[in-house]
PDB file of N, CA and C in Angstrom:
ATOM      1  N   ALA A   1       0.676  -1.235  -0.093  1.00  0.00           N
ATOM      2  CA  ALA A   1       0.009  -0.046   0.049  1.00  0.00           C
ATOM      3  C   ALA A   1       1.130   1.213  -0.034  1.00  0.00           C
ATOM      4  N   ALA A   2       1.951   1.235   0.799  1.00  0.00           N
ATOM      5  CA  ALA A   2       2.926   2.476   0.776  1.00  0.00           C
ATOM      6  C   ALA A   2       3.584   2.438  -0.510  1.00  0.00           C
ATOM      7  N   VAL A   3       3.889   1.537  -1.323  1.00  0.00           N
ATOM      8  CA  VAL A   3       4.464   1.499  -2.492  1.00  0.00           C
ATOM      9  C   VAL A   3       3.493   2.355  -3.588  1.00  0.00           C
ATOM     10  N   LEU A   4       2.096   1.879  -3.560  1.00  0.00           N
ATOM     11  CA  LEU A   4       1.052   2.545  -4.473  1.00  0.00           C
ATOM     12  C   LEU A   4       0.925   4.026  -3.975  1.00  0.00           C
ATOM     13  N   GLN A   5       0.916   4.412  -2.836  1.00  0.00           N
ATOM     14  CA  GLN A   5       0.824   5.846  -2.339  1.00  0.00           C
ATOM     15  C   GLN A   5       2.087   6.625  -2.637  1.00  0.00           C
ATOM     16  N   ALA A   6       3.271   6.021  -2.420  1.00  0.00           N
ATOM     17  CA  ALA A   6       4.601   6.656  -3.128  1.00  0.00           C
ATOM     18  C   ALA A   6       4.602   7.124  -4.469  1.00  0.00           C
ATOM     19  N   GLY A   7       4.102   6.183  -5.361  1.00  0.00           N
ATOM     20  CA  GLY A   7       4.085   6.526  -6.678  1.00  0.00           C
ATOM     21  C   GLY A   7       5.426   6.335  -7.336  1.00  0.00           C
ATOM     22  N   VAL A   8       6.467   5.281  -6.846  1.00  0.00           N
ATOM     23  CA  VAL A   8       7.680   4.913  -7.362  1.00  0.00           C
ATOM     24  C   VAL A   8       7.774   3.694  -8.148  1.00  0.00           C
ATOM     25  N   GLU A   9       8.639   3.702  -8.880  1.00  0.00           N
ATOM     26  CA  GLU A   9       8.678   2.480  -9.814  1.00  0.00           C
ATOM     27  C   GLU A   9      10.149   1.793  -9.449  1.00  0.00           C
ATOM     28  N   LEU A  10      10.050   0.299  -9.819  1.00  0.00           N
ATOM     29  CA  LEU A  10      11.360  -0.511  -9.300  1.00  0.00           C
ATOM     30  C   LEU A  10      12.106  -0.263 -10.684  1.00  0.00           C
ATOM     31  N   ARG A  11      13.310  -0.035 -10.675  1.00  0.00           N
ATOM     32  CA  ARG A  11      14.413  -0.033 -11.447  1.00  0.00           C
ATOM     33  C   ARG A  11      14.618  -1.308 -12.125  1.00  0.00           C
ATOM     34  N   GLU A  12      14.644  -1.488 -13.482  1.00  0.00           N
ATOM     35  CA  GLU A  12      15.147  -2.883 -13.864  1.00  0.00           C
ATOM     36  C   GLU A  12      16.569  -3.377 -13.362  1.00  0.00           C
ATOM     37  N   GLY A  13      16.751  -4.666 -12.829  1.00  0.00           N
ATOM     38  CA  GLY A  13      17.663  -5.078 -12.264  1.00  0.00           C
ATOM     39  C   GLY A  13      18.106  -4.475 -10.804  1.00  0.00           C
ATOM     40  N   GLY A  14      17.208  -3.562 -10.303  1.00  0.00           N
ATOM     41  CA  GLY A  14      17.587  -3.019  -8.867  1.00  0.00           C
ATOM     42  C   GLY A  14      16.955  -3.765  -7.768  1.00  0.00           C
ATOM     43  N   CYS A  15      17.329  -3.477  -6.615  1.00  0.00           N
ATOM     44  CA  CYS A  15      16.953  -4.277  -5.403  1.00  0.00           C
ATOM     45  C   CYS A  15      15.314  -4.073  -5.199  1.00  0.00           C
ATOM     46  N   LYS A  16      14.692  -4.875  -4.726  1.00  0.00           N
ATOM     47  CA  LYS A  16      13.299  -4.847  -4.578  1.00  0.00           C
ATOM     48  C   LYS A  16      12.951  -4.476  -3.166  1.00  0.00           C
ATOM     49  N   PHE A  17      13.925  -4.220  -2.466  1.00  0.00           N
ATOM     50  CA  PHE A  17      13.751  -3.741  -1.043  1.00  0.00           C
ATOM     51  C   PHE A  17      13.094  -2.344  -0.951  1.00  0.00           C
ATOM     52  N   PHE A  18      11.867  -2.200  -0.311  1.00  0.00           N
ATOM     53  CA  PHE A  18      11.296  -0.625  -0.377  1.00  0.00           C
ATOM     54  C   PHE A  18      11.586  -0.262   1.020  1.00  0.00           C
ATOM     55  N   ILE A  19      12.016   1.003   0.840  1.00  0.00           N
ATOM     56  CA  ILE A  19      12.424   1.781   2.311  1.00  0.00           C
ATOM     57  C   ILE A  19      11.087   2.651   2.248  1.00  0.00           C
ATOM     58  N   ARG A  20      10.563   2.128   3.377  1.00  0.00           N
ATOM     59  CA  ARG A  20       9.234   3.049   3.733  1.00  0.00           C
ATOM     60  C   ARG A  20       9.422   4.304   4.124  1.00  0.00           C
ATOM     61  N   ARG A  21      10.717   4.634   5.021  1.00  0.00           N
ATOM     62  CA  ARG A  21      10.752   6.174   5.577  1.00  0.00           C
ATOM     63  C   ARG A  21      11.201   6.959   4.367  1.00  0.00           C
ATOM     64  N   ARG A  22      11.808   6.323   3.442  1.00  0.00           N
ATOM     65  CA  ARG A  22      12.186   7.395   2.254  1.00  0.00           C
ATOM     66  C   ARG A  22      11.211   7.051   1.091  1.00  0.00           C
ATOM     67  N   ARG A  23      10.437   6.462   1.210  1.00  0.00           N
ATOM     68  CA  ARG A  23       9.342   6.137   0.180  1.00  0.00           C
ATOM     69  C   ARG A  23       9.822   5.949  -1.150  1.00  0.00           C
ATOM     70  N   ARG A  24      10.882   4.925  -1.259  1.00  0.00           N
ATOM     71  CA  ARG A  24      11.455   4.610  -2.543  1.00  0.00           C
ATOM     72  C   ARG A  24      12.093   3.170  -2.345  1.00  0.00           C
ATOM     73  N   TYR A  25      12.450   2.549  -3.493  1.00  0.00           N
ATOM     74  CA  TYR A  25      13.358   1.303  -3.584  1.00  0.00           C
ATOM     75  C   TYR A  25      14.818   1.783  -3.208  1.00  0.00           C
ATOM     76  N   CYS A  26      15.402   0.487  -2.763  1.00  0.00           N
ATOM     77  CA  CYS A  26      16.914   0.638  -2.631  1.00  0.00           C
ATOM     78  C   CYS A  26      17.390   1.129  -3.939  1.00  0.00           C
ATOM     79  N   THR A  27      18.584   1.796  -3.828  1.00  0.00           N
ATOM     80  CA  THR A  27      19.274   2.134  -5.203  1.00  0.00           C
ATOM     81  C   THR A  27      20.288   1.183  -5.675  1.00  0.00           C
ATOM     82  N   SER A  28      20.430   0.210  -4.892  1.00  0.00           N
ATOM     83  CA  SER A  28      21.573  -0.690  -5.102  1.00  0.00           C
ATOM     84  C   SER A  28      21.091  -1.812  -6.283  1.00  0.00           C
ATOM     85  N   MET A  29      21.896  -2.353  -6.993  1.00  0.00           N
ATOM     86  CA  MET A  29      21.715  -3.428  -7.856  1.00  0.00           C
ATOM     87  C   MET A  29      21.441  -4.581  -7.288  1.00  0.00           C
ATOM     88  N   ALA A  30      20.543  -5.592  -7.430  1.00  0.00           N
ATOM     89  CA  ALA A  30      20.397  -6.841  -7.120  1.00  0.00           C
ATOM     90  C   ALA A  30      21.271  -7.700  -7.263  1.00  0.00           C
ATOM     91  N   GLN A  31      21.597  -8.451  -6.211  1.00  0.00           N
ATOM     92  CA  GLN A  31      22.676  -9.537  -6.636  1.00  0.00           C
ATOM     93  C   GLN A  31      22.318 -10.559  -7.835  1.00  0.00           C
ATOM     94  N   VAL A  32      23.521 -10.863  -8.576  1.00  0.00           N
ATOM     95  CA  VAL A  32      23.106 -11.916  -9.477  1.00  0.00           C
ATOM     96  C   VAL A  32      22.842 -13.232  -8.938  1.00  0.00           C
ATOM     97  N   GLY A  33      21.845 -13.862  -9.526  1.00  0.00           N
ATOM     98  CA  GLY A  33      21.533 -15.318  -8.946  1.00  0.00           C
ATOM     99  C   GLY A  33      20.616 -15.274  -7.576  1.00  0.00           C
ATOM    100  N   ASN A  34      20.310 -14.135  -7.054  1.00  0.00           N
ATOM    101  CA  ASN A  34      19.422 -13.989  -5.986  1.00  0.00           C
ATOM    102  C   ASN A  34      17.866 -13.936  -6.386  1.00  0.00           C
ATOM    103  N   PRO A  35      17.282 -15.310  -6.090  1.00  0.00           N
ATOM    104  CA  PRO A  35      15.695 -15.484  -6.413  1.00  0.00           C
ATOM    105  C   PRO A  35      14.816 -14.371  -5.863  1.00  0.00           C
ATOM    106  N   ASP A  36      15.217 -13.613  -4.636  1.00  0.00           N
ATOM    107  CA  ASP A  36      14.332 -12.632  -4.306  1.00  0.00           C
ATOM    108  C   ASP A  36      14.483 -11.380  -5.028  1.00  0.00           C
ATOM    109  N   GLY A  37      15.530 -10.972  -5.674  1.00  0.00           N
ATOM    110  CA  GLY A  37      16.002  -9.780  -6.318  1.00  0.00           C
ATOM    111  C   GLY A  37      16.322  -8.662  -5.260  1.00  0.00           C
ATOM    112  N   LEU A  38      17.129  -9.120  -4.244  1.00  0.00           N
ATOM    113  CA  LEU A  38      17.680  -8.097  -3.390  1.00  0.00           C
ATOM    114  C   LEU A  38      18.856  -8.059  -3.563  1.00  0.00           C
ATOM    115  N   CYS A  39      19.798  -6.632  -3.127  1.00  0.00           N
ATOM    116  CA  CYS A  39      21.284  -6.435  -3.036  1.00  0.00           C
ATOM    117  C   CYS A  39      21.736  -7.126  -1.830  1.00  0.00           C
ATOM    118  N   SER A  40      23.008  -7.254  -1.819  1.00  0.00           N
ATOM    119  CA  SER A  40      23.861  -8.116  -0.841  1.00  0.00           C
ATOM    120  C   SER A  40      23.362  -7.571   0.694  1.00  0.00           C
ATOM    121  N   GLU A  41      23.240  -6.091   0.860  1.00  0.00           N
ATOM    122  CA  GLU A  41      22.748  -5.581   2.136  1.00  0.00           C
ATOM    123  C   GLU A  41      21.392  -6.112   2.627  1.00  0.00           C
ATOM    124  N   HIS A  42      20.535  -6.056   1.893  1.00  0.00           N
ATOM    125  CA  HIS A  42      19.055  -6.461   2.161  1.00  0.00           C
ATOM    126  C   HIS A  42      18.901  -7.966   2.134  1.00  0.00           C
ATOM    127  N   ALA A  43      19.584  -8.619   1.292  1.00  0.00           N
ATOM    128  CA  ALA A  43      19.680 -10.000   1.366  1.00  0.00           C
ATOM    129  C   ALA A  43      20.125 -10.556   2.791  1.00  0.00           C
ATOM    130  N   GLU A  44      21.232 -10.031   3.287  1.00  0.00           N
ATOM    131  CA  GLU A  44      21.465 -10.331   4.590  1.00  0.00           C
ATOM    132  C   GLU A  44      20.484 -10.042   5.802  1.00  0.00           C
ATOM    133  N   GLU A  45      19.840  -8.959   5.722  1.00  0.00           N
ATOM    134  CA  GLU A  45      18.910  -8.448   6.747  1.00  0.00           C
ATOM    135  C   GLU A  45      17.810  -9.466   6.531  1.00  0.00           C
ATOM    136  N   THR A  46      17.231  -9.906   5.370  1.00  0.00           N
ATOM    137  CA  THR A  46      16.000 -10.602   5.542  1.00  0.00           C
ATOM    138  C   THR A  46      16.273 -12.135   5.790  1.00  0.00           C
ATOM    139  N   ALA A  47      17.714 -12.371   5.595  1.00  0.00           N
ATOM    140  CA  ALA A  47      17.848 -13.838   5.899  1.00  0.00           C
ATOM    141  C   ALA A  47      18.280 -13.988   7.321  1.00  0.00           C
ATOM    142  N   ARG A  48      18.312 -13.088   8.283  1.00  0.00           N
ATOM    143  CA  ARG A  48      18.568 -13.017   9.797  1.00  0.00           C
ATOM    144  C   ARG A  48      17.426 -13.857  10.410  1.00  0.00           C
ATOM    145  N   VAL A  49      17.607 -14.635  11.327  1.00  0.00           N
ATOM    146  CA  VAL A  49      16.732 -15.400  12.127  1.00  0.00           C
ATOM    147  C   VAL A  49      16.339 -14.420  13.396  1.00  0.00           C
ATOM    148  N   THR A  50      15.192 -14.480  13.544  1.00  0.00           N
ATOM    149  CA  THR A  50      14.651 -13.873  14.661  1.00  0.00           C
ATOM    150  C   THR A  50      14.941 -14.752  16.047  1.00  0.00           C
ATOM    151  N   PRO A  51      15.515 -14.294  17.016  1.00  0.00           N
ATOM    152  CA  PRO A  51      15.688 -15.046  18.210  1.00  0.00           C
ATOM    153  C   PRO A  51      14.482 -15.592  18.970  1.00  0.00           C
ATOM    154  N   SER A  52      14.359 -16.988  19.281  1.00  0.00           N
ATOM    155  CA  SER A  52      13.191 -17.386  19.737  1.00  0.00           C
ATOM    156  C   SER A  52      13.561 -17.260  21.442  1.00  0.00           C
ATOM    157  N   PHE A  53      12.263 -16.819  21.961  1.00  0.00           N
ATOM    158  CA  PHE A  53      12.289 -16.427  23.260  1.00  0.00           C
ATOM    159  C   PHE A  53      11.823 -17.511  24.147  1.00  0.00           C
ATOM    160  N   PRO A  54      12.344 -17.926  25.371  1.00  0.00           N
ATOM    161  CA  PRO A  54      11.993 -18.932  26.193  1.00  0.00           C
ATOM    162  C   PRO A  54      10.656 -18.676  26.858  1.00  0.00           C
ATOM    163  N   GLU A  55       9.810 -19.923  27.186  1.00  0.00           N
ATOM    164  CA  GLU A  55       8.851 -19.554  27.927  1.00  0.00           C
ATOM    165  C   GLU A  55       9.136 -19.446  29.512  1.00  0.00           C
ATOM    166  N   LEU A  56       8.124 -18.770  30.147  1.00  0.00           N
ATOM    167  CA  LEU A  56       8.255 -18.720  31.626  1.00  0.00           C
ATOM    168  C   LEU A  56       7.519 -19.979  32.290  1.00  0.00           C
ATOM    169  N   PRO A  57       7.840 -20.045  33.408  1.00  0.00           N
ATOM    170  CA  PRO A  57       7.243 -21.431  34.014  1.00  0.00           C
ATOM    171  C   PRO A  57       5.653 -21.322  33.893  1.00  0.00           C
ATOM    172  N   GLY A  58       5.069 -20.096  34.016  1.00  0.00           N
ATOM    173  CA  GLY A  58       3.784 -20.018  34.108  1.00  0.00           C
ATOM    174  C   GLY A  58       2.951 -20.356  32.747  1.00  0.00           C
ATOM    175  N   GLY A  59       3.808 -20.521  31.795  1.00  0.00           N
ATOM    176  CA  GLY A  59       3.438 -20.881  30.213  1.00  0.00           C
ATOM    177  C   GLY A  59       3.255 -19.289  29.438  1.00  0.00           C
ATOM    178  N   SER A  60       3.512 -18.303  29.934  1.00  0.00           N
ATOM    179  CA  SER A  60       3.411 -17.216  29.185  1.00  0.00           C
ATOM    180  C   SER A  60       4.803 -17.060  28.583  1.00  0.00           C
ATOM    181  N   GLU A  61       4.758 -16.339  27.459  1.00  0.00           N
ATOM    182  CA  GLU A  61       6.138 -16.029  26.899  1.00  0.00           C
ATOM    183  C   GLU A  61       6.669 -14.722  27.426  1.00  0.00           C
ATOM    184  N   VAL A  62       7.995 -14.452  27.148  1.00  0.00           N
ATOM    185  CA  VAL A  62       8.735 -13.375  27.792  1.00  0.00           C
ATOM    186  C   VAL A  62       8.235 -12.015  26.813  1.00  0.00           C
ATOM    187  N   ALA A  63       8.017 -11.004  27.469  1.00  0.00           N
ATOM    188  CA  ALA A  63       7.668  -9.901  26.641  1.00  0.00           C
ATOM    189  C   ALA A  63       8.717  -9.347  25.793  1.00  0.00           C
ATOM    190  N   THR A  64       8.128  -9.159  24.596  1.00  0.00           N
ATOM    191  CA  THR A  64       9.091  -8.773  23.425  1.00  0.00           C
ATOM    192  C   THR A  64       8.704  -7.298  23.071  1.00  0.00           C
ATOM    193  N   SER A  65       7.739  -6.576  23.573  1.00  0.00           N
ATOM    194  CA  SER A  65       7.467  -5.128  23.282  1.00  0.00           C
ATOM    195  C   SER A  65       8.609  -4.227  23.643  1.00  0.00           C
ATOM    196  N   LYS A  66       8.818  -3.255  22.710  1.00  0.00           N
ATOM    197  CA  LYS A  66       9.706  -2.162  22.924  1.00  0.00           C
ATOM    198  C   LYS A  66       9.081  -0.858  23.311  1.00  0.00           C
ATOM    199  N   HIS A  67       7.777  -1.025  23.525  1.00  0.00           N
ATOM    200  CA  HIS A  67       7.041   0.369  23.739  1.00  0.00           C
ATOM    201  C   HIS A  67       6.960   0.646  25.064  1.00  0.00           C
ATOM    202  N   LYS A  68       7.242   2.099  25.582  1.00  0.00           N
ATOM    203  CA  LYS A  68       7.152   2.425  26.939  1.00  0.00           C
ATOM    204  C   LYS A  68       5.955   2.426  27.477  1.00  0.00           C
ATOM    205  N   LYS A  69       5.758   1.725  28.731  1.00  0.00           N
ATOM    206  CA  LYS A  69       4.478   1.482  29.374  1.00  0.00           C
ATOM    207  C   LYS A  69       3.908   2.529  30.477  1.00  0.00           C
ATOM    208  N   ASN A  70       5.045   3.367  30.728  1.00  0.00           N
ATOM    209  CA  ASN A  70       4.736   4.324  31.819  1.00  0.00           C
ATOM    210  C   ASN A  70       4.578   5.752  31.206  1.00  0.00           C
ATOM    211  N   MET A  71       4.017   5.913  30.075  1.00  0.00           N
ATOM    212  CA  MET A  71       3.834   7.160  29.564  1.00  0.00           C
ATOM    213  C   MET A  71       2.640   7.973  30.170  1.00  0.00           C
ATOM    214  N   GLY A  72       1.830   7.420  30.916  1.00  0.00           N
ATOM    215  CA  GLY A  72       0.782   8.066  31.617  1.00  0.00           C
ATOM    216  C   GLY A  72       1.333   9.029  32.784  1.00  0.00           C
ATOM    217  N   ARG A  73       2.309   8.589  33.474  1.00  0.00           N
ATOM    218  CA  ARG A  73       2.910   9.267  34.450  1.00  0.00           C
ATOM    219  C   ARG A  73       3.408  10.604  34.095  1.00  0.00           C
ATOM    220  N   THR A  74       3.473  11.574  35.082  1.00  0.00           N
ATOM    221  CA  THR A  74       3.947  12.853  34.684  1.00  0.00           C
ATOM    222  C   THR A  74       5.407  12.690  35.052  1.00  0.00           C
ATOM    223  N   PRO A  75       6.252  13.511  34.170  1.00  0.00           N
ATOM    224  CA  PRO A  75       7.672  13.475  34.240  1.00  0.00           C
ATOM    225  C   PRO A  75       7.990  14.410  35.572  1.00  0.00           C
ATOM    226  N   LYS A  76       8.985  13.812  36.327  1.00  0.00           N
ATOM    227  CA  LYS A  76       9.531  14.582  37.608  1.00  0.00           C
ATOM    228  C   LYS A  76      10.449  15.775  37.062  1.00  0.00           C
ATOM    229  N   HIS A  77      10.334  16.932  37.961  1.00  0.00           N
ATOM    230  CA  HIS A  77      11.074  17.984  37.689  1.00  0.00           C
ATOM    231  C   HIS A  77      12.003  18.477  38.858  1.00  0.00           C
ATOM    232  N   MET A  78      12.945  18.878  38.487  1.00  0.00           N
ATOM    233  CA  MET A  78      13.834  19.347  39.550  1.00  0.00           C
ATOM    234  C   MET A  78      13.377  20.731  40.331  1.00  0.00           C
ATOM    235  N   LEU A  79      13.740  20.834  41.521  1.00  0.00           N
ATOM    236  CA  LEU A  79      13.251  21.881  42.142  1.00  0.00           C
ATOM    237  C   LEU A  79      14.165  23.362  41.669  1.00  0.00           C
ATOM    238  N   ASN A  80      13.676  24.228  41.552  1.00  0.00           N
ATOM    239  CA  ASN A  80      14.378  25.647  41.262  1.00  0.00           C
ATOM    240  C   ASN A  80      14.462  26.159  42.511  1.00  0.00           C
ATOM    241  N   PRO A  81      15.812  26.454  43.122  1.00  0.00           N
ATOM    242  CA  PRO A  81      16.054  26.930  44.407  1.00  0.00           C
ATOM    243  C   PRO A  81      15.777  28.280  44.484  1.00  0.00           C
ATOM    244  N   PHE A  82      15.729  29.153  43.339  1.00  0.00           N
ATOM    245  CA  PHE A  82      15.318  30.764  43.312  1.00  0.00           C
ATOM    246  C   PHE A  82      13.940  30.937  43.476  1.00  0.00           C
ATOM    247  N   ARG A  83      12.935  29.757  43.282  1.00  0.00           N
ATOM    248  CA  ARG A  83      11.653  30.187  43.306  1.00  0.00           C
ATOM    249  C   ARG A  83      11.031  29.672  44.765  1.00  0.00           C
ATOM    250  N   CYS A  84      11.838  29.351  45.601  1.00  0.00           N
ATOM    251  CA  CYS A  84      11.392  28.919  47.138  1.00  0.00           C
ATOM    252  C   CYS A  84      11.132  30.148  47.748  1.00  0.00           C
ATOM    253  N   PRO A  85       9.943  30.594  48.300  1.00  0.00           N
ATOM    254  CA  PRO A  85       9.510  31.501  49.119  1.00  0.00           C
ATOM    255  C   PRO A  85      10.146  31.517  50.532  1.00  0.00           C
ATOM    256  N   GLY A  86       9.996  32.544  51.370  1.00  0.00           N
ATOM    257  CA  GLY A  86      10.403  32.445  52.525  1.00  0.00           C
ATOM    258  C   GLY A  86      11.910  32.492  52.925  1.00  0.00           C
ATOM    259  N   GLN A  87      12.593  33.381  52.184  1.00  0.00           N
ATOM    260  CA  GLN A  87      14.121  33.429  52.291  1.00  0.00           C
ATOM    261  C   GLN A  87      14.095  34.496  53.585  1.00  0.00           C
ATOM    262  N   THR A  88      15.024  34.259  54.370  1.00  0.00           N
ATOM    263  CA  THR A  88      15.156  35.175  55.601  1.00  0.00           C
ATOM    264  C   THR A  88      16.586  35.993  55.506  1.00  0.00           C
ATOM    265  N   ALA A  89      16.480  37.167  56.183  1.00  0.00           N
ATOM    266  CA  ALA A  89      17.746  37.717  56.249  1.00  0.00           C
ATOM    267  C   ALA A  89      18.847  37.217  57.104  1.00  0.00           C
ATOM    268  N   ALA A  90      20.191  37.565  56.705  1.00  0.00           N
ATOM    269  CA  ALA A  90      21.375  36.994  57.467  1.00  0.00           C
ATOM    270  C   ALA A  90      21.104  37.586  58.904  1.00  0.00           C
ATOM    271  N   PRO A  91      21.749  36.490  59.834  1.00  0.00           N
ATOM    272  CA  PRO A  91      21.610  36.963  61.290  1.00  0.00           C
ATOM    273  C   PRO A  91      22.854  37.957  61.442  1.00  0.00           C
ATOM    274  N   ALA A  92      22.648  38.740  62.723  1.00  0.00           N
ATOM    275  CA  ALA A  92      23.633  39.423  63.170  1.00  0.00           C
ATOM    276  C   ALA A  92      24.731  38.615  63.767  1.00  0.00           C
ATOM    277  N   TRP A  93      25.783  38.586  63.055  1.00  0.00           N
ATOM    278  CA  TRP A  93      26.818  37.455  63.506  1.00  0.00           C
ATOM    279  C   TRP A  93      27.599  37.930  64.782  1.00  0.00           C
ATOM    280  N   SER A  94      27.597  39.504  64.942  1.00  0.00           N
ATOM    281  CA  SER A  94      28.049  39.672  66.277  1.00  0.00           C
ATOM    282  C   SER A  94      27.291  39.049  67.599  1.00  0.00           C
ATOM    283  N   ALA A  95      25.997  38.949  67.250  1.00  0.00           N
ATOM    284  CA  ALA A  95      25.080  38.043  68.327  1.00  0.00           C
ATOM    285  C   ALA A  95      25.296  36.739  68.306  1.00  0.00           C
ATOM    286  N   VAL A  96      25.453  36.103  67.296  1.00  0.00           N
ATOM    287  CA  VAL A  96      25.655  34.769  67.195  1.00  0.00           C
ATOM    288  C   VAL A  96      27.066  34.212  67.731  1.00  0.00           C
ATOM    289  N   TYR A  97      28.061  35.181  67.296  1.00  0.00           N
ATOM    290  CA  TYR A  97      29.413  34.754  67.668  1.00  0.00           C
ATOM    291  C   TYR A  97      29.944  36.020  68.689  1.00  0.00           C
ATOM    292  N   SER A  98      29.873  35.659  69.925  1.00  0.00           N
ATOM    293  CA  SER A  98      30.132  37.017  70.670  1.00  0.00           C
ATOM    294  C   SER A  98      32.022  36.994  70.823  1.00  0.00           C
ATOM    295  N   ASP A  99      32.496  36.063  70.849  1.00  0.00           N
ATOM    296  CA  ASP A  99      33.988  35.883  70.856  1.00  0.00           C
ATOM    297  C   ASP A  99      34.556  35.542  69.685  1.00  0.00           C
ATOM    298  N   LEU A 100      35.128  36.476  68.769  1.00  0.00           N
ATOM    299  CA  LEU A 100      35.554  36.198  67.597  1.00  0.00           C
ATOM    300  C   LEU A 100      37.199  35.953  67.345  1.00  0.00           C
ATOM    301  N   SER A 101      37.833  35.728  68.660  1.00  0.00           N
ATOM    302  CA  SER A 101      39.278  35.632  68.586  1.00  0.00           C
ATOM    303  C   SER A 101      39.548  34.038  68.434  1.00  0.00           C
TER     304      SER A 101
END
């Protein structure tokens, strides 16, 4: 569907890997003898095996989601010390320390 919206055409002998973010096909030439019609870079990417995740004792699988789950909470802010009210004047040091020797 993204290919039809982008309106791009596949170059003859070019790699058939469509880059969605750039809305175009890969500009490299396809490998000779590659039945999928991909360049060497994308042939390696598609050939990689996804790792299998072990099951937990309860029967559920390990979570593989990479989405943040705490987005509803408000972010914590640092305290600005210059906005704190109630600053007092400096004490009379002669009254605090009577003997300065």
